[in-house]
Amino acid sequence: MPTIPGKDCGPCSLCCKILEITEFQKSAGIWCAHCAQEQGCAIYATRPDVCRDYECLWRGDRALGPMLRPDRVGTLLMEDPDSDEYRAVCDPARPMAWRHPLVFKHLLAMAKAGRIVVAKAGLKAWRIRANGEWGPCI
């Protein structure tokens, strides 16, 4: 992914908390043992492929402003590689973070563009529709 000026991780390391990393037996929602919070990965050069392959959408999208940095809104924006879903995956400590006005506005725009939009927090998931309605996924 090309570097966009002003789009570095900085103190954000929310991906190190939210993502599951099976290579370390790390469950989603707990901090990775290799994460030095606000400093980044302590094993960056030898991190597993799942970490290498993860691309933060905030870092790669010029349209996502600085206020949507994941640690600021408690939400990672992600493309699901196995489907056409666009996901907002929330920090379990902030399960409704996807309802933050800036995040919800973005999710609504994605739904209006024809995407399947799902917000997730732990085992709970909500579908966001283009008309602004949202409800639990079953």
Protein backbone atom coordinates (compact mmCIF):
# COMPACT_ATOMS: atom_id res chain seq x y z
CA MET A 1 0.00 0.00 0.00
CA PRO A 2 1.46 3.39 -0.93
CA THR A 3 2.17 5.75 1.92
CA ILE A 4 -0.14 8.74 2.19
CA PRO A 5 1.34 11.76 3.99
CA GLY A 6 -0.26 12.21 7.42
CA LYS A 7 -1.61 8.65 7.42
CA ASP A 8 0.95 6.89 9.58
CA CYS A 9 -0.18 4.77 12.51
CA GLY A 10 1.22 7.21 15.04
CA PRO A 11 -0.02 6.21 18.48
CA CYS A 12 -2.71 3.94 16.98
CA SER A 13 -2.25 0.21 17.42
CA LEU A 14 -5.92 -0.78 17.66
CA CYS A 15 -5.41 -3.54 15.09
CA CYS A 16 -3.12 -5.21 17.65
CA LYS A 17 -6.10 -5.44 20.00
CA ILE A 18 -9.07 -6.07 17.73
CA LEU A 19 -7.69 -8.69 15.33
CA GLU A 20 -7.39 -12.39 16.13
CA ILE A 21 -3.85 -13.73 15.61
CA THR A 22 -3.94 -17.52 15.67
CA GLU A 23 -0.14 -17.77 15.39
CA PHE A 24 0.06 -16.32 18.91
CA GLN A 25 -3.19 -17.89 20.18
CA LYS A 26 -4.38 -14.29 20.59
CA SER A 27 -8.12 -13.84 20.69
CA ALA A 28 -9.85 -10.84 19.16
CA GLY A 29 -10.34 -8.05 21.67
CA ILE A 30 -7.23 -8.48 23.79
CA TRP A 31 -3.91 -6.74 23.32
CA CYS A 32 -1.19 -8.68 21.53
CA ALA A 33 1.70 -9.51 23.85
CA HIS A 34 4.06 -8.04 21.22
CA CYS A 35 2.32 -4.67 21.06
CA ALA A 36 3.98 -1.75 22.76
CA GLN A 37 0.88 0.44 22.95
CA GLU A 38 1.26 3.80 21.23
CA GLN A 39 4.64 2.62 19.92
CA GLY A 40 3.75 -0.30 17.66
CA CYS A 41 4.86 -3.86 17.18
CA ALA A 42 7.92 -4.99 19.11
CA ILE A 43 8.52 -7.80 16.58
CA TYR A 44 7.62 -5.84 13.44
CA ALA A 45 10.44 -7.31 11.31
CA THR A 46 9.43 -10.90 12.14
CA ARG A 47 5.66 -10.46 12.61
CA PRO A 48 3.44 -13.25 11.22
CA ASP A 49 1.86 -13.11 7.77
CA VAL A 50 -1.59 -12.25 9.14
CA CYS A 51 -0.11 -9.03 10.52
CA ARG A 52 1.91 -8.35 7.36
CA ASP A 53 -1.16 -8.89 5.17
CA TYR A 54 -3.46 -6.62 7.18
CA GLU A 55 -4.04 -3.28 5.44
CA CYS A 56 -5.64 -0.54 7.50
CA LEU A 57 -8.25 1.10 5.29
CA TRP A 58 -7.87 4.37 7.17
CA ARG A 59 -4.19 4.52 6.18
CA GLY A 60 -4.92 3.80 2.52
CA ASP A 61 -7.95 6.01 1.87
CA ARG A 62 -7.44 9.75 1.46
CA ALA A 63 -11.19 10.30 1.97
CA LEU A 64 -11.02 9.03 5.56
CA GLY A 65 -9.98 12.06 7.56
CA PRO A 66 -7.78 12.23 10.66
CA MET A 67 -10.76 12.05 13.01
CA LEU A 68 -11.54 8.55 11.68
CA ARG A 69 -8.20 7.10 12.75
CA PRO A 70 -9.14 3.78 14.40
CA ASP A 71 -7.94 4.59 17.91
CA ARG A 72 -9.92 7.84 17.88
CA VAL A 73 -13.24 6.21 16.95
CA GLY A 74 -12.69 2.72 18.41
CA THR A 75 -13.36 1.07 15.05
CA LEU A 76 -11.33 -0.65 12.34
CA LEU A 77 -12.79 -0.31 8.85
CA MET A 78 -12.15 -3.48 6.88
CA GLU A 79 -12.88 -5.25 3.63
CA ASP A 80 -13.87 -8.87 4.25
CA PRO A 81 -11.60 -10.90 1.97
CA ASP A 82 -14.12 -13.75 1.76
CA SER A 83 -17.21 -11.75 0.79
CA ASP A 84 -18.33 -8.35 -0.45
CA GLU A 85 -18.88 -7.12 3.11
CA TYR A 86 -17.53 -3.82 4.27
CA ARG A 87 -17.03 -4.04 8.02
CA ALA A 88 -16.66 -1.77 10.98
CA VAL A 89 -15.04 -3.91 13.67
CA CYS A 90 -15.28 -2.28 17.08
CA ASP A 91 -13.09 -2.42 20.11
CA PRO A 92 -15.02 -4.72 22.51
CA ALA A 93 -14.53 -2.04 25.18
CA ARG A 94 -16.57 0.28 22.90
CA PRO A 95 -19.06 -2.08 21.20
CA MET A 96 -21.25 0.66 19.78
CA ALA A 97 -18.35 2.76 18.48
CA TRP A 98 -19.69 2.22 14.94
CA ARG A 99 -22.52 4.59 15.91
CA HIS A 100 -20.03 7.48 16.22
CA PRO A 101 -21.47 10.11 13.83
CA LEU A 102 -18.42 10.14 11.54
CA VAL A 103 -18.21 6.36 11.38
CA PHE A 104 -21.95 5.91 10.83
CA LYS A 105 -21.95 8.54 8.07
CA HIS A 106 -19.15 6.66 6.32
CA LEU A 107 -20.88 3.29 6.74
CA LEU A 108 -24.11 4.72 5.39
CA ALA A 109 -22.28 6.08 2.33
CA MET A 110 -20.80 2.62 1.72
CA ALA A 111 -24.27 1.05 1.98
CA LYS A 112 -25.66 3.65 -0.45
CA ALA A 113 -22.86 2.71 -2.85
CA GLY A 114 -24.26 -0.82 -2.90
CA ARG A 115 -21.96 -2.50 -0.39
CA ILE A 116 -23.13 -4.97 2.25
CA VAL A 117 -22.18 -3.13 5.45
CA VAL A 118 -21.81 -4.90 8.79
CA ALA A 119 -20.70 -3.53 12.14
CA LYS A 120 -19.23 -6.05 14.57
CA ALA A 121 -18.34 -6.09 18.24
CA GLY A 122 -17.35 -9.43 19.70
CA LEU A 123 -20.04 -11.94 18.77
CA LYS A 124 -22.63 -9.26 17.96
CA ALA A 125 -23.17 -7.90 14.46
CA TRP A 126 -25.46 -5.29 12.93
CA ARG A 127 -26.36 -4.74 9.27
CA ILE A 128 -26.48 -1.11 8.12
CA ARG A 129 -28.82 -0.44 5.21
CA ALA A 130 -28.70 2.35 2.61
CA ASN A 131 -31.83 4.01 4.09
CA GLY A 132 -30.07 4.45 7.44
CA GLU A 133 -31.85 1.62 9.20
CA TRP A 134 -29.78 -0.89 11.07
CA GLY A 135 -30.49 -4.05 12.98
CA PRO A 136 -28.90 -7.21 14.32
CA CYS A 137 -27.54 -9.81 11.92
CA ILE A 138 -28.99 -13.23 12.46
